[in-house]
Amino acid sequence: MPKGDFTSTIFFTIAMIVVFYLLMFLPQKKKQKKAKEMMDSLKEGERIVTIGGVLGKIINIKDEEVTIETSVERTQIVVYKWAVREVVKEFDK
């Protein structure tokens, strides 16, 4: 096997690993960082959606748990912070 073939094979393999890393892991890390920032910035009074699709208003935050009020009957549910999908931005009417 000529020496040039081995070098080009190694270079191609390294290039593929770098491309794979850039396309797969960097976007995932960015998404995780954004989710952590959102969880750390939760405040009482904000409306949220959980990963299960439950809509509610935050009434209490304690450590890793969030208590939300979910309906007109003021039903309270306690969920973990990691279960919050997003903060709902309400439009002024």
N, C-alpha and C. Protein backbone atom coordinates (compact mmCIF):
# COMPACT_ATOMS: atom_id res chain seq x y z
N MET A 1 0.84 -1.17 0.00
CA MET A 1 0.00 0.00 0.00
C MET A 1 0.90 1.24 0.00
N PRO A 2 0.71 2.13 -0.95
CA PRO A 2 1.52 3.34 -1.01
C PRO A 2 1.24 4.25 0.19
N LYS A 3 2.27 5.01 0.57
CA LYS A 3 2.18 5.86 1.75
C LYS A 3 1.12 6.96 1.59
N GLY A 4 0.92 7.48 0.41
CA GLY A 4 -0.05 8.54 0.15
C GLY A 4 -1.48 8.08 0.40
N ASP A 5 -1.78 6.82 0.09
CA ASP A 5 -3.13 6.31 0.31
C ASP A 5 -3.48 6.27 1.80
N PHE A 6 -2.52 5.86 2.62
CA PHE A 6 -2.76 5.79 4.07
C PHE A 6 -2.98 7.20 4.64
N THR A 7 -2.19 8.16 4.21
CA THR A 7 -2.33 9.53 4.70
C THR A 7 -3.66 10.13 4.29
N SER A 8 -4.07 9.91 3.06
CA SER A 8 -5.35 10.46 2.61
C SER A 8 -6.52 9.79 3.32
N THR A 9 -6.40 8.51 3.63
CA THR A 9 -7.44 7.80 4.36
C THR A 9 -7.58 8.37 5.77
N ILE A 10 -6.46 8.59 6.45
CA ILE A 10 -6.49 9.16 7.79
C ILE A 10 -7.08 10.57 7.75
N PHE A 11 -6.66 11.38 6.78
CA PHE A 11 -7.16 12.74 6.65
C PHE A 11 -8.67 12.73 6.40
N PHE A 12 -9.13 11.85 5.52
CA PHE A 12 -10.56 11.75 5.22
C PHE A 12 -11.36 11.34 6.46
N THR A 13 -10.83 10.38 7.22
CA THR A 13 -11.50 9.91 8.44
C THR A 13 -11.60 11.04 9.46
N ILE A 14 -10.52 11.77 9.67
CA ILE A 14 -10.53 12.89 10.62
C ILE A 14 -11.50 13.96 10.15
N ALA A 15 -11.51 14.26 8.85
CA ALA A 15 -12.42 15.26 8.31
C ALA A 15 -13.87 14.84 8.53
N MET A 16 -14.20 13.58 8.34
CA MET A 16 -15.56 13.09 8.55
C MET A 16 -15.97 13.20 10.02
N ILE A 17 -15.04 12.91 10.93
CA ILE A 17 -15.33 13.03 12.37
C ILE A 17 -15.62 14.49 12.73
N VAL A 18 -14.82 15.41 12.19
CA VAL A 18 -15.03 16.84 12.46
C VAL A 18 -16.38 17.30 11.92
N VAL A 19 -16.72 16.91 10.70
CA VAL A 19 -18.01 17.28 10.11
C VAL A 19 -19.16 16.70 10.93
N PHE A 20 -19.04 15.44 11.33
CA PHE A 20 -20.06 14.80 12.14
C PHE A 20 -20.25 15.56 13.45
N TYR A 21 -19.15 15.95 14.09
CA TYR A 21 -19.22 16.69 15.34
C TYR A 21 -19.93 18.02 15.13
N LEU A 22 -19.56 18.74 14.08
CA LEU A 22 -20.15 20.05 13.82
C LEU A 22 -21.64 19.96 13.51
N LEU A 23 -22.05 18.91 12.81
CA LEU A 23 -23.45 18.79 12.42
C LEU A 23 -24.35 18.17 13.49
N MET A 24 -23.76 17.37 14.38
CA MET A 24 -24.59 16.65 15.35
C MET A 24 -24.48 17.19 16.77
N PHE A 25 -23.29 17.38 17.27
CA PHE A 25 -23.12 17.69 18.68
C PHE A 25 -23.23 19.17 19.00
N LEU A 26 -22.73 20.04 18.17
CA LEU A 26 -22.81 21.47 18.47
C LEU A 26 -24.25 21.98 18.54
N PRO A 27 -25.12 21.64 17.58
CA PRO A 27 -26.52 22.09 17.70
C PRO A 27 -27.21 21.54 18.95
N GLN A 28 -26.90 20.31 19.32
CA GLN A 28 -27.49 19.70 20.51
C GLN A 28 -27.04 20.44 21.77
N LYS A 29 -25.76 20.77 21.84
CA LYS A 29 -25.25 21.51 23.00
C LYS A 29 -25.89 22.89 23.09
N LYS A 30 -26.07 23.53 21.95
CA LYS A 30 -26.69 24.85 21.92
C LYS A 30 -28.14 24.77 22.41
N LYS A 31 -28.85 23.73 22.00
CA LYS A 31 -30.24 23.53 22.41
C LYS A 31 -30.32 23.27 23.92
N GLN A 32 -29.40 22.46 24.44
CA GLN A 32 -29.39 22.17 25.87
C GLN A 32 -29.08 23.42 26.69
N LYS A 33 -28.16 24.24 26.20
CA LYS A 33 -27.81 25.47 26.90
C LYS A 33 -29.01 26.42 26.95
N LYS A 34 -29.73 26.53 25.84
CA LYS A 34 -30.90 27.40 25.78
C LYS A 34 -31.99 26.91 26.74
N ALA A 35 -32.20 25.60 26.80
CA ALA A 35 -33.21 25.02 27.70
C ALA A 35 -32.83 25.27 29.16
N LYS A 36 -31.55 25.13 29.49
CA LYS A 36 -31.11 25.37 30.87
C LYS A 36 -31.30 26.83 31.25
N GLU A 37 -30.98 27.74 30.33
CA GLU A 37 -31.18 29.17 30.60
C GLU A 37 -32.66 29.47 30.84
N MET A 38 -33.53 28.84 30.06
CA MET A 38 -34.97 29.05 30.22
C MET A 38 -35.42 28.53 31.59
N MET A 39 -34.95 27.35 31.99
CA MET A 39 -35.34 26.78 33.28
C MET A 39 -34.84 27.65 34.44
N ASP A 40 -33.63 28.17 34.31
CA ASP A 40 -33.07 28.99 35.38
C ASP A 40 -33.75 30.35 35.49
N SER A 41 -34.40 30.80 34.42
CA SER A 41 -35.01 32.13 34.44
C SER A 41 -36.51 32.10 34.68
N LEU A 42 -37.08 30.94 35.03
CA LEU A 42 -38.52 30.87 35.31
C LEU A 42 -38.87 31.75 36.50
N LYS A 43 -40.02 32.44 36.39
CA LYS A 43 -40.48 33.33 37.45
C LYS A 43 -41.96 33.07 37.74
N GLU A 44 -42.35 33.35 38.94
CA GLU A 44 -43.75 33.22 39.32
C GLU A 44 -44.59 34.17 38.47
N GLY A 45 -45.76 33.71 38.07
CA GLY A 45 -46.66 34.52 37.25
C GLY A 45 -46.55 34.25 35.76
N GLU A 46 -45.49 33.59 35.33
CA GLU A 46 -45.34 33.29 33.91
C GLU A 46 -46.22 32.10 33.51
N ARG A 47 -46.71 32.14 32.29
CA ARG A 47 -47.49 31.02 31.76
C ARG A 47 -46.53 30.09 31.02
N ILE A 48 -46.69 28.79 31.25
CA ILE A 48 -45.79 27.80 30.66
C ILE A 48 -46.57 26.66 30.01
N VAL A 49 -45.85 25.90 29.20
CA VAL A 49 -46.36 24.65 28.65
C VAL A 49 -45.39 23.56 29.06
N THR A 50 -45.91 22.45 29.59
CA THR A 50 -45.04 21.33 29.97
C THR A 50 -44.82 20.42 28.77
N ILE A 51 -43.90 19.47 28.92
CA ILE A 51 -43.65 18.53 27.83
C ILE A 51 -44.85 17.62 27.56
N GLY A 52 -45.75 17.55 28.53
CA GLY A 52 -46.98 16.78 28.34
C GLY A 52 -48.11 17.58 27.73
N GLY A 53 -47.86 18.87 27.48
CA GLY A 53 -48.86 19.71 26.86
C GLY A 53 -49.78 20.43 27.83
N VAL A 54 -49.46 20.39 29.12
CA VAL A 54 -50.28 21.06 30.13
C VAL A 54 -49.91 22.53 30.16
N LEU A 55 -50.93 23.38 30.06
CA LEU A 55 -50.75 24.83 30.12
C LEU A 55 -51.05 25.30 31.53
N GLY A 56 -50.23 26.20 32.07
CA GLY A 56 -50.51 26.70 33.40
C GLY A 56 -49.70 27.93 33.73
N LYS A 57 -50.04 28.53 34.87
CA LYS A 57 -49.34 29.71 35.36
C LYS A 57 -48.53 29.30 36.59
N ILE A 58 -47.26 29.71 36.63
CA ILE A 58 -46.39 29.37 37.76
C ILE A 58 -46.86 30.14 38.99
N ILE A 59 -47.08 29.40 40.08
CA ILE A 59 -47.46 30.07 41.32
C ILE A 59 -46.40 29.89 42.41
N ASN A 60 -45.49 28.91 42.23
CA ASN A 60 -44.43 28.70 43.21
C ASN A 60 -43.28 27.94 42.56
N ILE A 61 -42.07 28.33 42.93
CA ILE A 61 -40.87 27.63 42.46
C ILE A 61 -40.06 27.27 43.70
N LYS A 62 -39.74 25.98 43.83
CA LYS A 62 -38.94 25.52 44.97
C LYS A 62 -37.93 24.51 44.47
N ASP A 63 -36.66 24.86 44.54
CA ASP A 63 -35.56 24.01 44.08
C ASP A 63 -35.80 23.57 42.63
N GLU A 64 -36.05 22.29 42.44
CA GLU A 64 -36.26 21.76 41.08
C GLU A 64 -37.73 21.51 40.76
N GLU A 65 -38.63 21.96 41.63
CA GLU A 65 -40.06 21.76 41.41
C GLU A 65 -40.76 23.08 41.13
N VAL A 66 -41.75 23.02 40.27
CA VAL A 66 -42.55 24.19 39.91
C VAL A 66 -44.01 23.82 40.13
N THR A 67 -44.73 24.66 40.88
CA THR A 67 -46.16 24.46 41.08
C THR A 67 -46.89 25.38 40.11
N ILE A 68 -47.81 24.78 39.33
CA ILE A 68 -48.56 25.57 38.36
C ILE A 68 -50.05 25.46 38.63
N GLU A 69 -50.76 26.50 38.25
CA GLU A 69 -52.21 26.54 38.34
C GLU A 69 -52.72 26.34 36.92
N THR A 70 -53.60 25.35 36.71
CA THR A 70 -53.90 24.93 35.35
C THR A 70 -55.27 25.26 34.81
N SER A 71 -56.20 25.69 35.62
CA SER A 71 -57.54 25.89 35.08
C SER A 71 -58.30 26.95 35.86
N VAL A 72 -59.53 27.17 35.41
CA VAL A 72 -60.41 28.13 36.09
C VAL A 72 -60.68 27.67 37.52
N GLU A 73 -60.71 26.38 37.74
CA GLU A 73 -60.94 25.83 39.08
C GLU A 73 -59.69 25.93 39.95
N ARG A 74 -58.62 26.50 39.40
CA ARG A 74 -57.35 26.71 40.12
C ARG A 74 -56.72 25.40 40.59
N THR A 75 -56.76 24.41 39.74
CA THR A 75 -56.11 23.13 40.02
C THR A 75 -54.60 23.34 40.03
N GLN A 76 -53.94 22.82 41.07
CA GLN A 76 -52.50 22.98 41.18
C GLN A 76 -51.80 21.67 40.88
N ILE A 77 -50.75 21.77 40.08
CA ILE A 77 -49.95 20.60 39.72
C ILE A 77 -48.49 20.94 40.00
N VAL A 78 -47.76 19.99 40.57
CA VAL A 78 -46.33 20.18 40.80
C VAL A 78 -45.58 19.37 39.73
N VAL A 79 -44.69 20.04 39.01
CA VAL A 79 -43.88 19.39 37.99
C VAL A 79 -42.41 19.74 38.22
N TYR A 80 -41.53 18.94 37.69
CA TYR A 80 -40.11 19.26 37.74
C TYR A 80 -39.78 20.33 36.72
N LYS A 81 -38.74 21.11 36.99
CA LYS A 81 -38.34 22.16 36.06
C LYS A 81 -38.02 21.60 34.68
N TRP A 82 -37.40 20.41 34.63
CA TRP A 82 -37.02 19.85 33.34
C TRP A 82 -38.24 19.48 32.49
N ALA A 83 -39.44 19.44 33.11
CA ALA A 83 -40.65 19.11 32.38
C ALA A 83 -41.29 20.33 31.71
N VAL A 84 -40.71 21.52 31.93
CA VAL A 84 -41.24 22.73 31.30
C VAL A 84 -40.66 22.82 29.90
N ARG A 85 -41.53 22.84 28.90
CA ARG A 85 -41.09 22.92 27.51
C ARG A 85 -40.77 24.36 27.12
N GLU A 86 -41.70 25.29 27.45
CA GLU A 86 -41.48 26.67 27.05
C GLU A 86 -42.33 27.62 27.87
N VAL A 87 -41.90 28.87 27.87
CA VAL A 87 -42.66 29.95 28.47
C VAL A 87 -43.52 30.54 27.36
N VAL A 88 -44.82 30.68 27.65
CA VAL A 88 -45.75 31.20 26.65
C VAL A 88 -45.71 32.71 26.66
N LYS A 89 -45.46 33.28 25.50
CA LYS A 89 -45.47 34.74 25.35
C LYS A 89 -46.89 35.16 25.02
N GLU A 90 -47.49 35.94 25.90
CA GLU A 90 -48.87 36.38 25.67
C GLU A 90 -48.87 37.73 24.98
N PHE A 91 -49.83 37.91 24.09
CA PHE A 91 -50.00 39.17 23.40
C PHE A 91 -50.98 40.04 24.17
N ASP A 92 -50.68 41.32 24.28
CA ASP A 92 -51.60 42.26 24.91
C ASP A 92 -52.79 42.46 24.01
N LYS A 93 -53.96 42.45 24.58
CA LYS A 93 -55.18 42.62 23.77
C LYS A 93 -55.66 44.04 23.82
